[in-house]
């Protein structure tokens, strides 16, 4: 199961890396409104990956589910020390909850470009914050999984 957990986690980290390449455009820009070209770049990316990339965007959900199931089996079978397995499971549940409960919704809203520039700027910053949290959480999961048994 560790191979499946590491594979799923690595895939999700790679997806986050691509998201962060767009998200980081907000760094170093102060004020309530980001430059329109920055918002346009980020918004077009999120429009593509959340809405028009079907069915490929469903692969992220499959990776989340597969990683979660593999972790549950790992915990039940005691394949790695229980503290590491449970911590991995908690981190993945937290990451998936944030992603599905808030980040995806904000990214879809951002991709629609239907709101004023202040709201779009706030959404872009929130998506960046969430993605950084998710990247750290999943990075910790990978580290916990790769430690020697």
N, C-alpha and C. Protein backbone atom coordinates (compact mmCIF):
# COMPACT_ATOMS: atom_id res chain seq x y z
N UNK A 1 0.80 -1.20 0.00
CA UNK A 1 0.00 0.00 0.00
C UNK A 1 0.85 1.27 0.00
N UNK A 2 2.05 1.19 0.57
CA UNK A 2 2.91 2.39 0.59
C UNK A 2 3.18 2.91 -0.83
N UNK A 3 3.33 1.99 -1.76
CA UNK A 3 3.59 2.40 -3.14
C UNK A 3 2.39 3.18 -3.68
N UNK A 4 1.18 2.72 -3.40
CA UNK A 4 -0.01 3.43 -3.86
C UNK A 4 -0.16 4.78 -3.17
N UNK A 5 0.11 4.80 -1.86
CA UNK A 5 0.03 6.07 -1.13
C UNK A 5 1.06 7.06 -1.69
N UNK A 6 2.28 6.59 -1.87
CA UNK A 6 3.33 7.48 -2.39
C UNK A 6 3.04 7.92 -3.82
N UNK A 7 2.51 7.03 -4.64
CA UNK A 7 2.17 7.38 -6.02
C UNK A 7 1.06 8.43 -6.06
N UNK A 8 0.00 8.19 -5.30
CA UNK A 8 -1.11 9.13 -5.27
C UNK A 8 -0.70 10.48 -4.72
N UNK A 9 0.06 10.45 -3.64
CA UNK A 9 0.53 11.70 -3.03
C UNK A 9 1.45 12.45 -3.98
N UNK A 10 2.33 11.74 -4.65
CA UNK A 10 3.25 12.38 -5.60
C UNK A 10 2.49 13.00 -6.77
N UNK A 11 1.49 12.30 -7.26
CA UNK A 11 0.67 12.84 -8.34
C UNK A 11 0.00 14.13 -7.89
N UNK A 12 -0.60 14.12 -6.70
CA UNK A 12 -1.27 15.31 -6.18
C UNK A 12 -0.29 16.46 -5.96
N UNK A 13 0.91 16.15 -5.50
CA UNK A 13 1.94 17.18 -5.35
C UNK A 13 2.32 17.77 -6.71
N UNK A 14 2.39 16.94 -7.73
CA UNK A 14 2.71 17.44 -9.07
C UNK A 14 1.61 18.37 -9.59
N UNK A 15 0.36 18.01 -9.35
CA UNK A 15 -0.76 18.87 -9.75
C UNK A 15 -0.67 20.20 -9.01
N UNK A 16 -0.40 20.14 -7.71
CA UNK A 16 -0.26 21.37 -6.93
C UNK A 16 0.89 22.23 -7.44
N UNK A 17 1.97 21.59 -7.85
CA UNK A 17 3.12 22.34 -8.38
C UNK A 17 2.70 23.16 -9.60
N UNK A 18 1.94 22.54 -10.49
CA UNK A 18 1.47 23.27 -11.68
C UNK A 18 0.53 24.40 -11.27
N UNK A 19 -0.37 24.14 -10.33
CA UNK A 19 -1.26 25.19 -9.84
C UNK A 19 -0.44 26.35 -9.25
N UNK A 20 0.56 26.01 -8.47
CA UNK A 20 1.39 27.04 -7.82
C UNK A 20 2.16 27.89 -8.82
N UNK A 21 2.49 27.31 -9.98
CA UNK A 21 3.18 28.11 -11.00
C UNK A 21 2.32 29.30 -11.43
N UNK A 22 1.01 29.13 -11.42
CA UNK A 22 0.11 30.23 -11.74
C UNK A 22 -0.21 31.06 -10.49
N UNK A 23 -0.46 30.38 -9.38
CA UNK A 23 -0.82 31.07 -8.13
C UNK A 23 0.23 32.08 -7.68
N UNK A 24 1.49 31.74 -7.86
CA UNK A 24 2.55 32.60 -7.32
C UNK A 24 2.66 33.94 -8.04
N UNK A 25 1.90 34.13 -9.11
CA UNK A 25 1.88 35.43 -9.77
C UNK A 25 1.34 36.53 -8.86
N UNK A 26 0.62 36.15 -7.80
CA UNK A 26 0.07 37.16 -6.89
C UNK A 26 1.11 37.65 -5.88
N UNK A 27 2.20 36.91 -5.73
CA UNK A 27 3.20 37.30 -4.74
C UNK A 27 3.85 38.63 -5.11
N UNK A 28 4.09 39.43 -4.09
CA UNK A 28 4.76 40.71 -4.30
C UNK A 28 3.86 41.80 -4.84
N UNK A 29 2.59 41.49 -5.00
CA UNK A 29 1.64 42.49 -5.50
C UNK A 29 0.71 42.88 -4.36
N UNK A 30 0.80 44.12 -3.95
CA UNK A 30 -0.04 44.58 -2.85
C UNK A 30 -1.26 45.31 -3.38
N UNK A 31 -2.12 45.69 -2.49
CA UNK A 31 -3.33 46.39 -2.89
C UNK A 31 -4.50 45.44 -3.01
N UNK A 32 -5.68 46.01 -3.03
CA UNK A 32 -6.90 45.20 -3.08
C UNK A 32 -7.08 44.50 -4.42
N UNK A 33 -6.53 45.10 -5.46
CA UNK A 33 -6.73 44.55 -6.81
C UNK A 33 -5.40 44.17 -7.44
N UNK A 34 -5.34 42.96 -7.93
CA UNK A 34 -4.18 42.51 -8.67
C UNK A 34 -4.24 43.08 -10.09
N UNK A 35 -3.10 43.18 -10.77
CA UNK A 35 -3.13 43.63 -12.17
C UNK A 35 -4.02 42.73 -13.02
N UNK A 36 -4.72 43.33 -13.95
CA UNK A 36 -5.66 42.57 -14.78
C UNK A 36 -4.99 41.44 -15.55
N UNK A 37 -3.75 41.67 -16.03
CA UNK A 37 -3.07 40.60 -16.78
C UNK A 37 -2.74 39.42 -15.88
N UNK A 38 -2.46 39.69 -14.60
CA UNK A 38 -2.20 38.61 -13.64
C UNK A 38 -3.48 37.82 -13.40
N UNK A 39 -4.56 38.52 -13.14
CA UNK A 39 -5.84 37.84 -12.92
C UNK A 39 -6.29 37.07 -14.15
N UNK A 40 -6.07 37.64 -15.32
CA UNK A 40 -6.47 36.97 -16.55
C UNK A 40 -5.70 35.66 -16.73
N UNK A 41 -4.40 35.70 -16.47
CA UNK A 41 -3.57 34.50 -16.60
C UNK A 41 -4.02 33.40 -15.64
N UNK A 42 -4.20 33.78 -14.39
CA UNK A 42 -4.62 32.80 -13.37
C UNK A 42 -6.03 32.30 -13.67
N UNK A 43 -6.92 33.20 -14.01
CA UNK A 43 -8.32 32.82 -14.27
C UNK A 43 -8.45 31.88 -15.46
N UNK A 44 -7.71 32.17 -16.53
CA UNK A 44 -7.77 31.28 -17.71
C UNK A 44 -7.27 29.89 -17.35
N UNK A 45 -6.22 29.81 -16.55
CA UNK A 45 -5.71 28.51 -16.12
C UNK A 45 -6.79 27.75 -15.34
N UNK A 46 -7.40 28.40 -14.37
CA UNK A 46 -8.41 27.71 -13.56
C UNK A 46 -9.68 27.40 -14.32
N UNK A 47 -10.01 28.21 -15.31
CA UNK A 47 -11.14 27.88 -16.17
C UNK A 47 -10.87 26.57 -16.90
N UNK A 48 -9.65 26.45 -17.39
CA UNK A 48 -9.27 25.25 -18.13
C UNK A 48 -9.25 24.00 -17.24
N UNK A 49 -8.55 24.07 -16.11
CA UNK A 49 -8.34 22.85 -15.32
C UNK A 49 -9.56 22.45 -14.50
N UNK A 50 -10.45 23.41 -14.18
CA UNK A 50 -11.62 23.03 -13.38
C UNK A 50 -12.86 22.75 -14.20
N UNK A 51 -12.91 23.27 -15.41
CA UNK A 51 -14.17 23.19 -16.16
C UNK A 51 -14.02 22.53 -17.53
N UNK A 52 -13.11 23.02 -18.34
CA UNK A 52 -13.07 22.56 -19.73
C UNK A 52 -12.15 21.38 -19.97
N UNK A 53 -11.43 20.93 -18.98
CA UNK A 53 -10.48 19.83 -19.18
C UNK A 53 -11.11 18.45 -18.93
N UNK A 54 -12.43 18.37 -18.91
CA UNK A 54 -13.10 17.09 -18.67
C UNK A 54 -12.79 16.12 -19.79
N UNK A 55 -12.56 14.87 -19.56
CA UNK A 55 -12.64 14.18 -18.28
C UNK A 55 -11.32 14.13 -17.51
N UNK A 56 -10.26 14.72 -18.06
CA UNK A 56 -8.95 14.59 -17.42
C UNK A 56 -8.90 15.22 -16.03
N UNK A 57 -9.69 16.28 -15.78
CA UNK A 57 -9.66 16.89 -14.46
C UNK A 57 -10.24 15.96 -13.39
N UNK A 58 -10.96 14.95 -13.81
CA UNK A 58 -11.51 13.95 -12.86
C UNK A 58 -10.40 13.06 -12.28
N UNK A 59 -9.27 13.02 -12.95
CA UNK A 59 -8.16 12.20 -12.48
C UNK A 59 -7.66 12.64 -11.10
N UNK A 60 -7.76 13.93 -10.81
CA UNK A 60 -7.36 14.43 -9.50
C UNK A 60 -8.25 13.81 -8.42
N UNK A 61 -9.54 13.76 -8.65
CA UNK A 61 -10.46 13.14 -7.71
C UNK A 61 -10.18 11.66 -7.53
N UNK A 62 -9.86 10.98 -8.62
CA UNK A 62 -9.51 9.56 -8.54
C UNK A 62 -8.24 9.36 -7.71
N UNK A 63 -7.26 10.23 -7.90
CA UNK A 63 -6.02 10.14 -7.13
C UNK A 63 -6.28 10.41 -5.65
N UNK A 64 -7.14 11.36 -5.36
CA UNK A 64 -7.49 11.63 -3.96
C UNK A 64 -8.14 10.41 -3.32
N UNK A 65 -9.13 9.86 -4.00
CA UNK A 65 -9.85 8.70 -3.48
C UNK A 65 -8.92 7.50 -3.34
N UNK A 66 -8.11 7.24 -4.35
CA UNK A 66 -7.19 6.11 -4.30
C UNK A 66 -6.18 6.24 -3.16
N UNK A 67 -5.67 7.45 -2.96
CA UNK A 67 -4.71 7.68 -1.88
C UNK A 67 -5.38 7.48 -0.53
N UNK A 68 -6.59 7.98 -0.40
CA UNK A 68 -7.34 7.83 0.85
C UNK A 68 -7.62 6.37 1.16
N UNK A 69 -8.06 5.62 0.18
CA UNK A 69 -8.34 4.19 0.38
C UNK A 69 -7.05 3.43 0.73
N UNK A 70 -5.98 3.71 0.00
CA UNK A 70 -4.70 3.04 0.28
C UNK A 70 -4.22 3.34 1.69
N UNK A 71 -4.40 4.57 2.14
CA UNK A 71 -4.01 4.93 3.51
C UNK A 71 -4.86 4.21 4.54
N UNK A 72 -6.15 4.11 4.29
CA UNK A 72 -7.04 3.40 5.21
C UNK A 72 -6.63 1.94 5.34
N UNK A 73 -6.32 1.31 4.22
CA UNK A 73 -5.86 -0.08 4.24
C UNK A 73 -4.53 -0.18 4.98
N UNK A 74 -3.64 0.76 4.74
CA UNK A 74 -2.34 0.78 5.41
C UNK A 74 -2.51 0.87 6.93
N UNK A 75 -3.43 1.70 7.38
CA UNK A 75 -3.69 1.83 8.82
C UNK A 75 -4.24 0.52 9.37
N UNK A 76 -5.21 -0.05 8.68
CA UNK A 76 -5.84 -1.29 9.15
C UNK A 76 -4.88 -2.47 9.17
N UNK A 77 -3.95 -2.51 8.24
CA UNK A 77 -3.01 -3.64 8.14
C UNK A 77 -1.71 -3.39 8.90
N UNK A 78 -1.57 -2.22 9.51
CA UNK A 78 -0.37 -1.87 10.28
C UNK A 78 0.91 -2.07 9.47
N UNK A 79 0.90 -1.55 8.24
CA UNK A 79 2.03 -1.74 7.33
C UNK A 79 3.20 -0.82 7.64
N UNK A 80 2.95 0.29 8.29
CA UNK A 80 4.01 1.15 8.80
C UNK A 80 3.64 1.46 10.25
N UNK A 81 4.54 2.03 11.03
CA UNK A 81 4.19 2.34 12.42
C UNK A 81 2.87 3.13 12.49
N UNK A 82 2.03 2.74 13.43
CA UNK A 82 0.68 3.30 13.52
C UNK A 82 0.66 4.82 13.60
N UNK A 83 1.57 5.40 14.34
CA UNK A 83 1.57 6.86 14.49
C UNK A 83 1.79 7.54 13.13
N UNK A 84 2.68 7.00 12.32
CA UNK A 84 2.94 7.57 10.99
C UNK A 84 1.76 7.34 10.06
N UNK A 85 1.18 6.17 10.12
CA UNK A 85 0.04 5.85 9.25
C UNK A 85 -1.16 6.73 9.58
N UNK A 86 -1.44 6.87 10.87
CA UNK A 86 -2.59 7.68 11.29
C UNK A 86 -2.34 9.16 10.96
N UNK A 87 -1.13 9.65 11.20
CA UNK A 87 -0.80 11.03 10.88
C UNK A 87 -0.94 11.27 9.37
N UNK A 88 -0.49 10.31 8.57
CA UNK A 88 -0.64 10.43 7.11
C UNK A 88 -2.11 10.51 6.73
N UNK A 89 -2.91 9.65 7.33
CA UNK A 89 -4.34 9.63 7.03
C UNK A 89 -4.99 10.96 7.43
N UNK A 90 -4.66 11.46 8.60
CA UNK A 90 -5.22 12.74 9.06
C UNK A 90 -4.83 13.87 8.11
N UNK A 91 -3.58 13.90 7.69
CA UNK A 91 -3.12 14.96 6.78
C UNK A 91 -3.82 14.88 5.42
N UNK A 92 -4.01 13.67 4.91
CA UNK A 92 -4.69 13.52 3.62
C UNK A 92 -6.16 13.90 3.74
N UNK A 93 -6.81 13.49 4.82
CA UNK A 93 -8.21 13.87 5.01
C UNK A 93 -8.32 15.39 5.12
N UNK A 94 -7.42 16.01 5.86
CA UNK A 94 -7.40 17.47 5.97
C UNK A 94 -7.21 18.12 4.60
N UNK A 95 -6.23 17.64 3.85
CA UNK A 95 -5.95 18.22 2.53
C UNK A 95 -7.14 18.06 1.59
N UNK A 96 -7.73 16.89 1.56
CA UNK A 96 -8.88 16.67 0.67
C UNK A 96 -10.06 17.53 1.11
N UNK A 97 -10.26 17.65 2.42
CA UNK A 97 -11.36 18.48 2.92
C UNK A 97 -11.20 19.93 2.52
N UNK A 98 -9.99 20.46 2.64
CA UNK A 98 -9.73 21.84 2.22
C UNK A 98 -9.92 21.98 0.72
N UNK A 99 -9.36 21.03 -0.04
CA UNK A 99 -9.44 21.12 -1.50
C UNK A 99 -10.88 21.07 -2.00
N UNK A 100 -11.65 20.12 -1.50
CA UNK A 100 -13.02 19.97 -1.98
C UNK A 100 -13.99 20.95 -1.32
N UNK A 101 -13.69 21.31 -0.08
CA UNK A 101 -14.60 22.18 0.64
C UNK A 101 -14.45 23.66 0.34
N UNK A 102 -13.27 24.06 -0.14
CA UNK A 102 -13.05 25.49 -0.33
C UNK A 102 -12.26 25.81 -1.59
N UNK A 103 -11.13 25.16 -1.79
CA UNK A 103 -10.22 25.54 -2.86
C UNK A 103 -10.85 25.35 -4.24
N UNK A 104 -11.45 24.22 -4.48
CA UNK A 104 -12.06 23.96 -5.78
C UNK A 104 -13.14 24.98 -6.09
N UNK A 105 -13.99 25.26 -5.13
CA UNK A 105 -15.06 26.24 -5.32
C UNK A 105 -14.48 27.62 -5.68
N UNK A 106 -13.44 28.03 -4.96
CA UNK A 106 -12.81 29.33 -5.24
C UNK A 106 -12.14 29.35 -6.61
N UNK A 107 -11.51 28.25 -6.98
CA UNK A 107 -10.85 28.17 -8.29
C UNK A 107 -11.86 28.22 -9.43
N UNK A 108 -13.00 27.56 -9.25
CA UNK A 108 -14.05 27.61 -10.27
C UNK A 108 -14.59 29.03 -10.40
N UNK A 109 -14.85 29.68 -9.27
CA UNK A 109 -15.32 31.08 -9.30
C UNK A 109 -14.31 31.98 -10.01
N UNK A 110 -13.05 31.78 -9.68
CA UNK A 110 -11.99 32.58 -10.30
C UNK A 110 -11.94 32.33 -11.81
N UNK A 111 -12.09 31.07 -12.21
CA UNK A 111 -12.05 30.72 -13.62
C UNK A 111 -13.20 31.31 -14.42
N UNK A 112 -14.31 31.58 -13.78
CA UNK A 112 -15.47 32.15 -14.49
C UNK A 112 -15.30 33.63 -14.79
N UNK A 113 -14.47 34.30 -14.05
CA UNK A 113 -14.21 35.74 -14.23
C UNK A 113 -15.51 36.56 -14.27
N UNK A 114 -16.47 36.18 -13.45
CA UNK A 114 -17.76 36.86 -13.44
C UNK A 114 -17.83 37.94 -12.35
N UNK A 115 -16.85 37.98 -11.47
CA UNK A 115 -16.92 38.89 -10.34
C UNK A 115 -15.99 40.08 -10.54
N UNK A 116 -16.17 41.08 -9.69
CA UNK A 116 -15.34 42.28 -9.81
C UNK A 116 -13.87 41.94 -9.51
N UNK A 117 -12.99 42.84 -9.88
CA UNK A 117 -11.55 42.59 -9.77
C UNK A 117 -11.09 42.43 -8.32
N UNK A 118 -11.73 43.14 -7.40
CA UNK A 118 -11.38 43.00 -5.98
C UNK A 118 -11.69 41.57 -5.50
N UNK A 119 -12.86 41.07 -5.86
CA UNK A 119 -13.25 39.71 -5.46
C UNK A 119 -12.36 38.68 -6.14
N UNK A 120 -12.07 38.86 -7.42
CA UNK A 120 -11.18 37.93 -8.12
C UNK A 120 -9.79 37.93 -7.49
N UNK A 121 -9.32 39.09 -7.09
CA UNK A 121 -8.00 39.19 -6.45
C UNK A 121 -8.00 38.45 -5.11
N UNK A 122 -9.07 38.62 -4.35
CA UNK A 122 -9.19 37.92 -3.07
C UNK A 122 -9.22 36.41 -3.29
N UNK A 123 -9.96 35.96 -4.29
CA UNK A 123 -10.03 34.53 -4.59
C UNK A 123 -8.66 33.99 -5.00
N UNK A 124 -7.94 34.74 -5.82
CA UNK A 124 -6.61 34.30 -6.26
C UNK A 124 -5.67 34.14 -5.06
N UNK A 125 -5.75 35.06 -4.12
CA UNK A 125 -4.90 34.97 -2.92
C UNK A 125 -5.32 33.80 -2.03
N UNK A 126 -6.63 33.57 -1.92
CA UNK A 126 -7.11 32.44 -1.12
C UNK A 126 -6.69 31.11 -1.73
N UNK A 127 -6.77 31.00 -3.04
CA UNK A 127 -6.36 29.77 -3.72
C UNK A 127 -4.87 29.52 -3.50
N UNK A 128 -4.06 30.56 -3.61
CA UNK A 128 -2.62 30.42 -3.33
C UNK A 128 -2.39 29.92 -1.91
N UNK A 129 -3.04 30.56 -0.94
CA UNK A 129 -2.87 30.16 0.46
C UNK A 129 -3.24 28.68 0.65
N UNK A 130 -4.39 28.29 0.12
CA UNK A 130 -4.82 26.90 0.25
C UNK A 130 -3.83 25.95 -0.39
N UNK A 131 -3.36 26.28 -1.59
CA UNK A 131 -2.43 25.40 -2.28
C UNK A 131 -1.11 25.25 -1.52
N UNK A 132 -0.66 26.31 -0.88
CA UNK A 132 0.56 26.20 -0.07
C UNK A 132 0.33 25.28 1.13
N UNK A 133 -0.82 25.40 1.77
CA UNK A 133 -1.16 24.51 2.89
C UNK A 133 -1.22 23.06 2.41
N UNK A 134 -1.89 22.84 1.29
CA UNK A 134 -2.03 21.48 0.75
C UNK A 134 -0.67 20.90 0.37
N UNK A 135 0.19 21.73 -0.21
CA UNK A 135 1.51 21.26 -0.62
C UNK A 135 2.33 20.81 0.59
N UNK A 136 2.28 21.59 1.66
CA UNK A 136 3.01 21.22 2.89
C UNK A 136 2.42 19.94 3.48
N UNK A 137 1.10 19.86 3.56
CA UNK A 137 0.46 18.67 4.14
C UNK A 137 0.81 17.41 3.36
N UNK A 138 0.71 17.48 2.03
CA UNK A 138 1.03 16.30 1.22
C UNK A 138 2.52 16.00 1.20
N UNK A 139 3.34 17.03 1.28
CA UNK A 139 4.79 16.80 1.40
C UNK A 139 5.12 16.05 2.68
N UNK A 140 4.45 16.41 3.77
CA UNK A 140 4.65 15.69 5.04
C UNK A 140 4.19 14.24 4.93
N UNK A 141 3.08 14.01 4.25
CA UNK A 141 2.61 12.63 4.04
C UNK A 141 3.66 11.83 3.30
N UNK A 142 4.19 12.38 2.24
CA UNK A 142 5.21 11.66 1.47
C UNK A 142 6.43 11.37 2.33
N UNK A 143 6.84 12.35 3.12
CA UNK A 143 7.98 12.15 4.00
C UNK A 143 7.70 11.04 5.02
N UNK A 144 6.51 11.05 5.63
CA UNK A 144 6.15 10.02 6.61
C UNK A 144 6.13 8.63 5.97
N UNK A 145 5.70 8.57 4.73
CA UNK A 145 5.62 7.29 4.03
C UNK A 145 6.99 6.76 3.63
N UNK A 146 7.91 7.66 3.33
CA UNK A 146 9.22 7.24 2.82
C UNK A 146 10.24 6.96 3.92
N UNK A 147 9.91 7.33 5.15
CA UNK A 147 10.81 6.98 6.25
C UNK A 147 10.93 5.46 6.36
N UNK A 148 12.10 4.97 6.76
CA UNK A 148 12.23 3.51 6.90
C UNK A 148 11.25 2.94 7.91
N UNK A 149 10.79 1.73 7.64
CA UNK A 149 9.83 1.07 8.53
C UNK A 149 10.51 0.63 9.73
